[in-house]
């Protein structure tokens, strides 16, 4: 009996550290999958229009999510969950995919990736305003420094003035931040896969109608790249947000969102490897500076 009582405190003490490490790992996995979104979108746009890409990926993801929810016999969400689920749907299922797809018609994936590096700051700011959680000055200083690096890089690449693609990306940042933050808060009550699953199913009628109209109105040329890109987008839209929301539920919205500062660096790698894009000389410098900010925000949050 004495051996058992002595073991319990040790296990309890190690538990929070283990959960934190697991949550960080899930958030990193989500970021890694997110980093392939822009290259996959560029591939899909080789054979489909922007509205077709956005609606078809949402339909595919909703079918996968619906099958998982049915297989798990998951009950319908309670009334208090519908508002955050609607925010997740508006931000991550409709708004962000559509606006970024429109942006990629005129912007390179590498440029869009660096601009979207502002997402961690917008997510942390929205979450702070929504929940009243206060962070240290060191946290905000590091987050703002990372954002400043992203802004300077984006303006330098676009000649000092924001382009139409940048405006689309800015709108995507604002609406996605709300979806991420609301989903992260809801992840304390629901598993991450159910959050994105219900958000996708909630949008299925709209997505299905949009897919039919878009495919009739826009040209369709199903190349290997277009099919592969669309399949990845549809699958990853469910799986990546599943692990992302789970990670945010464990380590917190603000801390997880700062890990996403690494996403531009990863997307730059994919844009070269998969799309053959030539990086601007300032890209590696900006990427390293952003990674330094990640470490600073993580230290400040602890």
C-alpha atoms as a PDB file:
ATOM      1  CA  UNK A   1       0.000   0.000   0.000  1.00  0.00           C
ATOM      2  CA  UNK A   2       2.797   2.420   0.833  1.00  0.00           C
ATOM      3  CA  UNK A   3       4.476   1.800  -2.529  1.00  0.00           C
ATOM      4  CA  UNK A   4       1.300   2.677  -4.363  1.00  0.00           C
ATOM      5  CA  UNK A   5       0.719   5.922  -2.491  1.00  0.00           C
ATOM      6  CA  UNK A   6       4.297   6.995  -3.089  1.00  0.00           C
ATOM      7  CA  UNK A   7       3.992   6.381  -6.846  1.00  0.00           C
ATOM      8  CA  UNK A   8       0.885   8.476  -7.279  1.00  0.00           C
ATOM      9  CA  UNK A   9       2.449  11.909  -6.675  1.00  0.00           C
ATOM     10  CA  UNK A  10       5.266  11.141  -9.105  1.00  0.00           C
ATOM     11  CA  UNK A  11       2.802  10.169 -11.822  1.00  0.00           C
ATOM     12  CA  UNK A  12       0.690  13.213 -11.139  1.00  0.00           C
ATOM     13  CA  UNK A  13       3.715  15.456 -11.306  1.00  0.00           C
ATOM     14  CA  UNK A  14       4.815  14.059 -14.649  1.00  0.00           C
ATOM     15  CA  UNK A  15       1.311  14.167 -16.128  1.00  0.00           C
ATOM     16  CA  UNK A  16       1.078  17.895 -16.949  1.00  0.00           C
ATOM     17  CA  UNK A  17       4.515  17.870 -18.583  1.00  0.00           C
ATOM     18  CA  UNK A  18       3.545  14.855 -20.677  1.00  0.00           C
ATOM     19  CA  UNK A  19       0.268  16.445 -21.739  1.00  0.00           C
ATOM     20  CA  UNK A  20       2.038  19.685 -22.632  1.00  0.00           C
ATOM     21  CA  UNK A  21       4.606  17.843 -24.744  1.00  0.00           C
ATOM     22  CA  UNK A  22       1.847  15.863 -26.452  1.00  0.00           C
ATOM     23  CA  UNK A  23      -0.158  19.014 -27.131  1.00  0.00           C
ATOM     24  CA  UNK A  24       2.894  20.742 -28.587  1.00  0.00           C
ATOM     25  CA  UNK A  25       3.582  17.733 -30.815  1.00  0.00           C
ATOM     26  CA  UNK A  26       0.002  17.774 -32.122  1.00  0.00           C
ATOM     27  CA  UNK A  27       0.171  21.516 -32.815  1.00  0.00           C
ATOM     28  CA  UNK A  28       3.480  21.066 -34.671  1.00  0.00           C
ATOM     29  CA  UNK A  29       1.951  18.266 -36.753  1.00  0.00           C
ATOM     30  CA  UNK A  30      -0.957  20.541 -37.618  1.00  0.00           C
ATOM     31  CA  UNK A  31       1.419  23.315 -38.670  1.00  0.00           C
ATOM     32  CA  UNK A  32       3.352  20.873 -40.844  1.00  0.00           C
ATOM     33  CA  UNK A  33       0.159  19.896 -42.656  1.00  0.00           C
ATOM     34  CA  UNK A  34      -0.930  23.522 -42.952  1.00  0.00           C
ATOM     35  CA  UNK A  35       2.373  24.360 -44.637  1.00  0.00           C
ATOM     36  CA  UNK A  36       1.398  22.220 -47.629  1.00  0.00           C
ATOM     37  CA  UNK A  37      -1.918  24.004 -48.133  1.00  0.00           C
ATOM     38  CA  UNK A  38      -0.682  26.747 -50.476  1.00  0.00           C
ATOM     39  CA  UNK A  39       1.373  24.451 -52.743  1.00  0.00           C
ATOM     40  CA  UNK A  40      -1.566  22.029 -52.921  1.00  0.00           C
ATOM     41  CA  UNK A  41      -3.883  24.936 -53.759  1.00  0.00           C
ATOM     42  CA  UNK A  42      -1.540  26.069 -56.523  1.00  0.00           C
ATOM     43  CA  UNK A  43      -1.641  22.547 -57.952  1.00  0.00           C
ATOM     44  CA  UNK A  44      -5.441  22.428 -57.752  1.00  0.00           C
ATOM     45  CA  UNK A  45      -5.710  25.804 -59.519  1.00  0.00           C
ATOM     46  CA  UNK A  46      -3.922  24.290 -62.531  1.00  0.00           C
ATOM     47  CA  UNK A  47      -7.139  22.482 -63.416  1.00  0.00           C
ATOM     48  CA  UNK A  48      -9.943  24.151 -61.451  1.00  0.00           C
ATOM     49  CA  UNK A  49     -11.207  27.656 -60.739  1.00  0.00           C
ATOM     50  CA  UNK A  50     -10.915  29.221 -57.273  1.00  0.00           C
ATOM     51  CA  UNK A  51     -14.572  28.726 -56.359  1.00  0.00           C
ATOM     52  CA  UNK A  52     -14.455  25.108 -57.512  1.00  0.00           C
ATOM     53  CA  UNK A  53     -11.333  24.418 -55.445  1.00  0.00           C
ATOM     54  CA  UNK A  54     -12.810  25.961 -52.308  1.00  0.00           C
ATOM     55  CA  UNK A  55     -16.208  24.265 -52.509  1.00  0.00           C
ATOM     56  CA  UNK A  56     -14.992  20.846 -53.678  1.00  0.00           C
ATOM     57  CA  UNK A  57     -12.368  20.570 -50.940  1.00  0.00           C
ATOM     58  CA  UNK A  58     -15.019  21.441 -48.358  1.00  0.00           C
ATOM     59  CA  UNK A  59     -17.404  18.784 -49.737  1.00  0.00           C
ATOM     60  CA  UNK A  60     -14.683  16.126 -49.682  1.00  0.00           C
ATOM     61  CA  UNK A  61     -13.632  17.053 -46.146  1.00  0.00           C
ATOM     62  CA  UNK A  62     -17.262  17.093 -44.959  1.00  0.00           C
ATOM     63  CA  UNK A  63     -17.874  13.595 -46.336  1.00  0.00           C
ATOM     64  CA  UNK A  64     -14.819  12.277 -44.480  1.00  0.00           C
ATOM     65  CA  UNK A  65     -15.828  14.091 -41.304  1.00  0.00           C
ATOM     66  CA  UNK A  66     -19.448  12.940 -41.538  1.00  0.00           C
ATOM     67  CA  UNK A  67     -18.369   9.322 -41.946  1.00  0.00           C
ATOM     68  CA  UNK A  68     -16.168   9.605 -38.830  1.00  0.00           C
ATOM     69  CA  UNK A  69     -18.955  11.194 -36.800  1.00  0.00           C
ATOM     70  CA  UNK A  70     -21.410   8.484 -37.858  1.00  0.00           C
ATOM     71  CA  UNK A  71     -18.909   5.711 -37.156  1.00  0.00           C
ATOM     72  CA  UNK A  72     -18.283   7.141 -33.694  1.00  0.00           C
ATOM     73  CA  UNK A  73     -22.035   7.628 -33.054  1.00  0.00           C
ATOM     74  CA  UNK A  74     -21.279  11.155 -31.876  1.00  0.00           C
ATOM     75  CA  UNK A  75     -24.357  12.977 -30.537  1.00  0.00           C
ATOM     76  CA  UNK A  76     -25.320  16.395 -31.850  1.00  0.00           C
ATOM     77  CA  UNK A  77     -23.569  19.348 -30.130  1.00  0.00           C
ATOM     78  CA  UNK A  78     -25.482  21.122 -27.388  1.00  0.00           C
ATOM     79  CA  UNK A  79     -26.846  24.613 -27.948  1.00  0.00           C
ATOM     80  CA  UNK A  80     -23.937  26.508 -26.353  1.00  0.00           C
ATOM     81  CA  UNK A  81     -21.524  24.897 -28.835  1.00  0.00           C
ATOM     82  CA  UNK A  82     -23.228  26.120 -31.992  1.00  0.00           C
ATOM     83  CA  UNK A  83     -21.847  29.678 -31.954  1.00  0.00           C
ATOM     84  CA  UNK A  84     -18.181  28.649 -31.708  1.00  0.00           C
ATOM     85  CA  UNK A  85     -18.822  25.932 -34.303  1.00  0.00           C
ATOM     86  CA  UNK A  86     -20.288  28.559 -36.636  1.00  0.00           C
ATOM     87  CA  UNK A  87     -17.193  30.704 -36.085  1.00  0.00           C
ATOM     88  CA  UNK A  88     -14.960  27.733 -36.905  1.00  0.00           C
ATOM     89  CA  UNK A  89     -16.996  27.033 -40.046  1.00  0.00           C
ATOM     90  CA  UNK A  90     -16.909  30.654 -41.206  1.00  0.00           C
ATOM     91  CA  UNK A  91     -13.191  31.025 -40.550  1.00  0.00           C
ATOM     92  CA  UNK A  92     -11.587  27.715 -41.416  1.00  0.00           C
ATOM     93  CA  UNK A  93     -14.047  26.017 -43.783  1.00  0.00           C
ATOM     94  CA  UNK A  94     -15.235  28.957 -45.907  1.00  0.00           C
ATOM     95  CA  UNK A  95     -13.413  32.247 -45.326  1.00  0.00           C
ATOM     96  CA  UNK A  96      -9.741  31.306 -45.133  1.00  0.00           C
ATOM     97  CA  UNK A  97      -9.768  28.714 -47.959  1.00  0.00           C
ATOM     98  CA  UNK A  98     -11.708  30.992 -50.320  1.00  0.00           C
ATOM     99  CA  UNK A  99      -9.737  34.179 -49.694  1.00  0.00           C
ATOM    100  CA  UNK A 100      -6.338  32.487 -49.860  1.00  0.00           C
ATOM    101  CA  UNK A 101      -7.319  30.666 -53.052  1.00  0.00           C
ATOM    102  CA  UNK A 102      -8.332  33.980 -54.635  1.00  0.00           C
ATOM    103  CA  UNK A 103      -5.056  35.506 -53.448  1.00  0.00           C
ATOM    104  CA  UNK A 104      -2.992  32.735 -55.046  1.00  0.00           C
ATOM    105  CA  UNK A 105      -4.310  33.674 -58.459  1.00  0.00           C
ATOM    106  CA  UNK A 106      -2.040  36.733 -58.364  1.00  0.00           C
ATOM    107  CA  UNK A 107       0.462  35.959 -55.574  1.00  0.00           C
ATOM    108  CA  UNK A 108       3.163  33.309 -55.393  1.00  0.00           C
ATOM    109  CA  UNK A 109       2.867  30.691 -52.681  1.00  0.00           C
ATOM    110  CA  UNK A 110       6.070  31.913 -51.042  1.00  0.00           C
ATOM    111  CA  UNK A 111       4.764  35.490 -50.819  1.00  0.00           C
ATOM    112  CA  UNK A 112       1.386  34.349 -49.481  1.00  0.00           C
ATOM    113  CA  UNK A 113       3.074  32.075 -46.952  1.00  0.00           C
ATOM    114  CA  UNK A 114       5.071  34.894 -45.407  1.00  0.00           C
ATOM    115  CA  UNK A 115       2.042  37.213 -45.235  1.00  0.00           C
ATOM    116  CA  UNK A 116       0.007  34.506 -43.501  1.00  0.00           C
ATOM    117  CA  UNK A 117       2.779  34.406 -40.921  1.00  0.00           C
ATOM    118  CA  UNK A 118       0.760  37.146 -39.222  1.00  0.00           C
ATOM    119  CA  UNK A 119      -1.885  34.579 -38.285  1.00  0.00           C
ATOM    120  CA  UNK A 120      -0.347  33.706 -34.879  1.00  0.00           C
ATOM    121  CA  UNK A 121      -0.467  37.341 -33.802  1.00  0.00           C
ATOM    122  CA  UNK A 122      -4.054  37.860 -34.968  1.00  0.00           C
ATOM    123  CA  UNK A 123      -5.113  34.609 -33.295  1.00  0.00           C
ATOM    124  CA  UNK A 124      -3.446  35.511 -29.991  1.00  0.00           C
ATOM    125  CA  UNK A 125      -4.901  39.022 -30.090  1.00  0.00           C
ATOM    126  CA  UNK A 126      -8.429  37.770 -30.814  1.00  0.00           C
ATOM    127  CA  UNK A 127      -8.165  35.138 -28.096  1.00  0.00           C
ATOM    128  CA  UNK A 128      -6.931  37.697 -25.577  1.00  0.00           C
ATOM    129  CA  UNK A 129      -9.804  40.071 -26.342  1.00  0.00           C
ATOM    130  CA  UNK A 130     -12.349  37.255 -26.333  1.00  0.00           C
ATOM    131  CA  UNK A 131     -11.251  35.609 -23.076  1.00  0.00           C
ATOM    132  CA  UNK A 132      -9.650  38.465 -21.156  1.00  0.00           C
ATOM    133  CA  UNK A 133      -6.431  36.470 -20.703  1.00  0.00           C
ATOM    134  CA  UNK A 134      -3.422  38.739 -20.223  1.00  0.00           C
ATOM    135  CA  UNK A 135       0.075  37.869 -21.422  1.00  0.00           C
ATOM    136  CA  UNK A 136       3.452  39.225 -20.409  1.00  0.00           C
ATOM    137  CA  UNK A 137       5.130  42.124 -22.157  1.00  0.00           C
ATOM    138  CA  UNK A 138       7.822  39.740 -23.331  1.00  0.00           C
ATOM    139  CA  UNK A 139       5.220  37.564 -25.038  1.00  0.00           C
ATOM    140  CA  UNK A 140       3.687  40.468 -26.955  1.00  0.00           C
ATOM    141  CA  UNK A 141       7.061  42.006 -27.774  1.00  0.00           C
ATOM    142  CA  UNK A 142       8.232  38.762 -29.365  1.00  0.00           C
ATOM    143  CA  UNK A 143       4.926  38.254 -31.194  1.00  0.00           C
ATOM    144  CA  UNK A 144       4.967  41.811 -32.557  1.00  0.00           C
ATOM    145  CA  UNK A 145       8.579  41.414 -33.620  1.00  0.00           C
ATOM    146  CA  UNK A 146       7.675  38.313 -35.609  1.00  0.00           C
ATOM    147  CA  UNK A 147       4.753  40.139 -37.175  1.00  0.00           C
ATOM    148  CA  UNK A 148       6.979  43.094 -38.068  1.00  0.00           C
ATOM    149  CA  UNK A 149       9.395  40.791 -39.878  1.00  0.00           C
ATOM    150  CA  UNK A 150       6.506  39.382 -41.889  1.00  0.00           C
ATOM    151  CA  UNK A 151       5.119  42.819 -42.790  1.00  0.00           C
ATOM    152  CA  UNK A 152       8.497  44.216 -43.881  1.00  0.00           C
ATOM    153  CA  UNK A 153       9.185  41.159 -46.007  1.00  0.00           C
ATOM    154  CA  UNK A 154       5.745  41.282 -47.658  1.00  0.00           C
ATOM    155  CA  UNK A 155       5.962  44.998 -48.460  1.00  0.00           C
ATOM    156  CA  UNK A 156       9.496  44.638 -49.788  1.00  0.00           C
ATOM    157  CA  UNK A 157       8.346  41.877 -52.123  1.00  0.00           C
ATOM    158  CA  UNK A 158       5.330  43.823 -53.394  1.00  0.00           C
ATOM    159  CA  UNK A 159       7.174  47.094 -54.031  1.00  0.00           C
ATOM    160  CA  UNK A 160       6.167  48.898 -50.847  1.00  0.00           C
ATOM    161  CA  UNK A 161       2.408  48.770 -51.374  1.00  0.00           C
ATOM    162  CA  UNK A 162      -0.019  45.951 -50.583  1.00  0.00           C
ATOM    163  CA  UNK A 163      -1.392  44.159 -53.631  1.00  0.00           C
ATOM    164  CA  UNK A 164      -4.930  42.849 -54.192  1.00  0.00           C
ATOM    165  CA  UNK A 165      -3.643  39.440 -53.146  1.00  0.00           C
ATOM    166  CA  UNK A 166      -2.345  40.951 -49.889  1.00  0.00           C
ATOM    167  CA  UNK A 167      -5.803  42.381 -49.175  1.00  0.00           C
ATOM    168  CA  UNK A 168      -7.360  38.965 -49.708  1.00  0.00           C
ATOM    169  CA  UNK A 169      -4.760  37.489 -47.363  1.00  0.00           C
ATOM    170  CA  UNK A 170      -5.445  40.149 -44.726  1.00  0.00           C
ATOM    171  CA  UNK A 171      -9.143  39.289 -44.776  1.00  0.00           C
ATOM    172  CA  UNK A 172      -8.246  35.609 -44.505  1.00  0.00           C
ATOM    173  CA  UNK A 173      -6.083  36.322 -41.450  1.00  0.00           C
ATOM    174  CA  UNK A 174      -8.823  38.159 -39.608  1.00  0.00           C
ATOM    175  CA  UNK A 175     -11.564  35.610 -40.180  1.00  0.00           C
ATOM    176  CA  UNK A 176      -9.310  32.600 -39.611  1.00  0.00           C
ATOM    177  CA  UNK A 177      -8.043  34.020 -36.305  1.00  0.00           C
ATOM    178  CA  UNK A 178     -11.602  34.012 -34.993  1.00  0.00           C
ATOM    179  CA  UNK A 179     -12.128  30.446 -36.163  1.00  0.00           C
ATOM    180  CA  UNK A 180      -8.895  29.235 -34.581  1.00  0.00           C
ATOM    181  CA  UNK A 181      -9.505  30.994 -31.276  1.00  0.00           C
ATOM    182  CA  UNK A 182     -13.108  29.857 -30.921  1.00  0.00           C
ATOM    183  CA  UNK A 183     -12.148  26.325 -31.881  1.00  0.00           C
ATOM    184  CA  UNK A 184      -9.276  26.349 -29.412  1.00  0.00           C
ATOM    185  CA  UNK A 185     -11.585  27.386 -26.587  1.00  0.00           C
ATOM    186  CA  UNK A 186     -14.162  24.778 -27.561  1.00  0.00           C
ATOM    187  CA  UNK A 187     -11.451  22.084 -27.600  1.00  0.00           C
ATOM    188  CA  UNK A 188     -11.579  22.141 -23.804  1.00  0.00           C
ATOM    189  CA  UNK A 189     -15.080  20.676 -24.006  1.00  0.00           C
ATOM    190  CA  UNK A 190     -15.105  18.705 -27.273  1.00  0.00           C
ATOM    191  CA  UNK A 191     -12.444  16.601 -28.999  1.00  0.00           C
ATOM    192  CA  UNK A 192     -10.708  18.480 -31.808  1.00  0.00           C
ATOM    193  CA  UNK A 193     -11.896  16.090 -34.511  1.00  0.00           C
ATOM    194  CA  UNK A 194     -15.518  16.644 -33.495  1.00  0.00           C
ATOM    195  CA  UNK A 195     -15.089  20.417 -33.652  1.00  0.00           C
ATOM    196  CA  UNK A 196     -13.835  20.523 -37.222  1.00  0.00           C
ATOM    197  CA  UNK A 197     -16.092  17.581 -38.112  1.00  0.00           C
ATOM    198  CA  UNK A 198     -19.278  19.377 -37.091  1.00  0.00           C
ATOM    199  CA  UNK A 199     -18.082  22.637 -38.670  1.00  0.00           C
ATOM    200  CA  UNK A 200     -17.573  20.855 -41.996  1.00  0.00           C
ATOM    201  CA  UNK A 201     -20.910  19.042 -41.798  1.00  0.00           C
ATOM    202  CA  UNK A 202     -22.601  22.337 -40.893  1.00  0.00           C
ATOM    203  CA  UNK A 203     -21.299  23.820 -44.152  1.00  0.00           C
ATOM    204  CA  UNK A 204     -22.047  20.781 -46.328  1.00  0.00           C
ATOM    205  CA  UNK A 205     -25.331  22.054 -47.867  1.00  0.00           C
ATOM    206  CA  UNK A 206     -23.669  25.352 -48.812  1.00  0.00           C
ATOM    207  CA  UNK A 207     -20.486  23.635 -49.999  1.00  0.00           C
ATOM    208  CA  UNK A 208     -22.373  21.102 -52.128  1.00  0.00           C
ATOM    209  CA  UNK A 209     -24.503  23.763 -53.802  1.00  0.00           C
ATOM    210  CA  UNK A 210     -21.420  25.913 -54.350  1.00  0.00           C
ATOM    211  CA  UNK A 211     -19.507  23.014 -55.881  1.00  0.00           C
ATOM    212  CA  UNK A 212     -22.254  22.294 -58.413  1.00  0.00           C
ATOM    213  CA  UNK A 213     -22.543  25.947 -59.453  1.00  0.00           C
ATOM    214  CA  UNK A 214     -18.770  26.494 -59.552  1.00  0.00           C
ATOM    215  CA  UNK A 215     -18.058  23.395 -61.642  1.00  0.00           C
ATOM    216  CA  UNK A 216     -20.696  24.487 -64.149  1.00  0.00           C
ATOM    217  CA  UNK A 217     -19.400  28.062 -64.331  1.00  0.00           C
ATOM    218  CA  UNK A 218     -15.615  27.550 -64.243  1.00  0.00           C
ATOM    219  CA  UNK A 219     -13.389  25.568 -66.628  1.00  0.00           C
ATOM    220  CA  UNK A 220     -12.317  22.112 -65.475  1.00  0.00           C
ATOM    221  CA  UNK A 221      -9.115  20.353 -66.562  1.00  0.00           C
ATOM    222  CA  UNK A 222      -8.301  17.404 -64.333  1.00  0.00           C
ATOM    223  CA  UNK A 223      -4.533  17.085 -64.480  1.00  0.00           C
ATOM    224  CA  UNK A 224      -2.545  14.899 -62.121  1.00  0.00           C
ATOM    225  CA  UNK A 225      -1.474  17.937 -60.126  1.00  0.00           C
ATOM    226  CA  UNK A 226      -5.044  19.265 -59.911  1.00  0.00           C
ATOM    227  CA  UNK A 227      -6.444  15.966 -58.629  1.00  0.00           C
ATOM    228  CA  UNK A 228      -3.593  15.417 -56.163  1.00  0.00           C
ATOM    229  CA  UNK A 229      -3.862  18.973 -54.856  1.00  0.00           C
ATOM    230  CA  UNK A 230      -7.623  18.743 -54.387  1.00  0.00           C
ATOM    231  CA  UNK A 231      -7.418  15.356 -52.653  1.00  0.00           C
ATOM    232  CA  UNK A 232      -4.769  16.659 -50.246  1.00  0.00           C
ATOM    233  CA  UNK A 233      -6.782  19.798 -49.501  1.00  0.00           C
ATOM    234  CA  UNK A 234      -9.956  17.858 -48.792  1.00  0.00           C
ATOM    235  CA  UNK A 235      -8.259  15.274 -46.586  1.00  0.00           C
ATOM    236  CA  UNK A 236      -5.978  17.702 -44.750  1.00  0.00           C
ATOM    237  CA  UNK A 237      -8.780  20.183 -44.077  1.00  0.00           C
ATOM    238  CA  UNK A 238     -10.257  17.651 -41.667  1.00  0.00           C
ATOM    239  CA  UNK A 239      -7.166  15.863 -40.357  1.00  0.00           C
ATOM    240  CA  UNK A 240      -4.910  18.907 -39.880  1.00  0.00           C
ATOM    241  CA  UNK A 241      -7.537  20.890 -37.988  1.00  0.00           C
ATOM    242  CA  UNK A 242      -8.338  17.805 -35.927  1.00  0.00           C
ATOM    243  CA  UNK A 243      -4.807  17.642 -34.512  1.00  0.00           C
ATOM    244  CA  UNK A 244      -4.472  21.448 -34.420  1.00  0.00           C
ATOM    245  CA  UNK A 245      -7.535  22.011 -32.250  1.00  0.00           C
ATOM    246  CA  UNK A 246      -6.525  19.130 -29.993  1.00  0.00           C
ATOM    247  CA  UNK A 247      -3.108  20.685 -29.552  1.00  0.00           C
ATOM    248  CA  UNK A 248      -4.586  24.118 -28.807  1.00  0.00           C
ATOM    249  CA  UNK A 249      -6.933  22.580 -26.257  1.00  0.00           C
ATOM    250  CA  UNK A 250      -3.937  21.171 -24.346  1.00  0.00           C
ATOM    251  CA  UNK A 251      -1.353  23.973 -24.474  1.00  0.00           C
ATOM    252  CA  UNK A 252      -3.608  27.003 -25.016  1.00  0.00           C
ATOM    253  CA  UNK A 253      -4.560  29.132 -28.015  1.00  0.00           C
ATOM    254  CA  UNK A 254      -1.875  31.805 -27.687  1.00  0.00           C
ATOM    255  CA  UNK A 255       1.034  29.422 -27.154  1.00  0.00           C
ATOM    256  CA  UNK A 256      -0.036  27.088 -29.971  1.00  0.00           C
ATOM    257  CA  UNK A 257      -0.614  29.977 -32.356  1.00  0.00           C
ATOM    258  CA  UNK A 258       2.994  31.125 -31.983  1.00  0.00           C
ATOM    259  CA  UNK A 259       4.200  27.744 -33.242  1.00  0.00           C
ATOM    260  CA  UNK A 260       2.512  28.651 -36.502  1.00  0.00           C
ATOM    261  CA  UNK A 261       5.185  31.286 -37.084  1.00  0.00           C
ATOM    262  CA  UNK A 262       7.216  28.377 -38.463  1.00  0.00           C
ATOM    263  CA  UNK A 263       4.643  27.770 -41.199  1.00  0.00           C
ATOM    264  CA  UNK A 264       6.053  30.343 -43.658  1.00  0.00           C
ATOM    265  CA  UNK A 265       9.484  28.698 -43.504  1.00  0.00           C
ATOM    266  CA  UNK A 266       8.017  25.271 -44.208  1.00  0.00           C
ATOM    267  CA  UNK A 267       5.869  26.572 -47.063  1.00  0.00           C
ATOM    268  CA  UNK A 268       8.909  28.254 -48.608  1.00  0.00           C
ATOM    269  CA  UNK A 269      10.593  24.860 -48.657  1.00  0.00           C
ATOM    270  CA  UNK A 270       7.578  23.238 -50.324  1.00  0.00           C
ATOM    271  CA  UNK A 271       7.206  26.074 -52.848  1.00  0.00           C
ATOM    272  CA  UNK A 272      10.748  25.395 -54.063  1.00  0.00           C
ATOM    273  CA  UNK A 273      10.570  21.603 -53.898  1.00  0.00           C
ATOM    274  CA  UNK A 274       7.085  21.130 -55.379  1.00  0.00           C
ATOM    275  CA  UNK A 275       6.481  24.237 -57.493  1.00  0.00           C
ATOM    276  CA  UNK A 276       9.991  25.209 -58.539  1.00  0.00           C
ATOM    277  CA  UNK A 277       9.601  28.794 -57.314  1.00  0.00           C
ATOM    278  CA  UNK A 278      12.699  30.937 -56.861  1.00  0.00           C
ATOM    279  CA  UNK A 279      12.966  32.433 -53.408  1.00  0.00           C
ATOM    280  CA  UNK A 280      13.800  36.073 -52.833  1.00  0.00           C
ATOM    281  CA  UNK A 281      17.202  36.606 -51.154  1.00  0.00           C
ATOM    282  CA  UNK A 282      15.489  38.056 -48.083  1.00  0.00           C
ATOM    283  CA  UNK A 283      13.348  34.947 -47.537  1.00  0.00           C
ATOM    284  CA  UNK A 284      15.893  32.909 -45.515  1.00  0.00           C
ATOM    285  CA  UNK A 285      16.715  35.940 -43.358  1.00  0.00           C
ATOM    286  CA  UNK A 286      13.043  36.552 -42.627  1.00  0.00           C
ATOM    287  CA  UNK A 287      12.495  32.871 -41.902  1.00  0.00           C
ATOM    288  CA  UNK A 288      15.344  32.716 -39.372  1.00  0.00           C
ATOM    289  CA  UNK A 289      14.154  35.896 -37.670  1.00  0.00           C
ATOM    290  CA  UNK A 290      10.657  34.427 -37.372  1.00  0.00           C
ATOM    291  CA  UNK A 291      12.029  31.239 -35.815  1.00  0.00           C
ATOM    292  CA  UNK A 292      13.896  33.311 -33.217  1.00  0.00           C
ATOM    293  CA  UNK A 293      10.594  34.985 -32.341  1.00  0.00           C
ATOM    294  CA  UNK A 294       8.977  31.568 -31.892  1.00  0.00           C
ATOM    295  CA  UNK A 295      11.498  30.635 -29.243  1.00  0.00           C
ATOM    296  CA  UNK A 296      11.025  33.968 -27.477  1.00  0.00           C
ATOM    297  CA  UNK A 297       7.234  33.661 -27.372  1.00  0.00           C
ATOM    298  CA  UNK A 298       7.398  30.091 -26.083  1.00  0.00           C
ATOM    299  CA  UNK A 299       9.812  31.111 -23.306  1.00  0.00           C
ATOM    300  CA  UNK A 300       7.634  34.100 -22.376  1.00  0.00           C
ATOM    301  CA  UNK A 301       4.452  31.990 -22.314  1.00  0.00           C
ATOM    302  CA  UNK A 302       6.049  29.540 -19.877  1.00  0.00           C
END
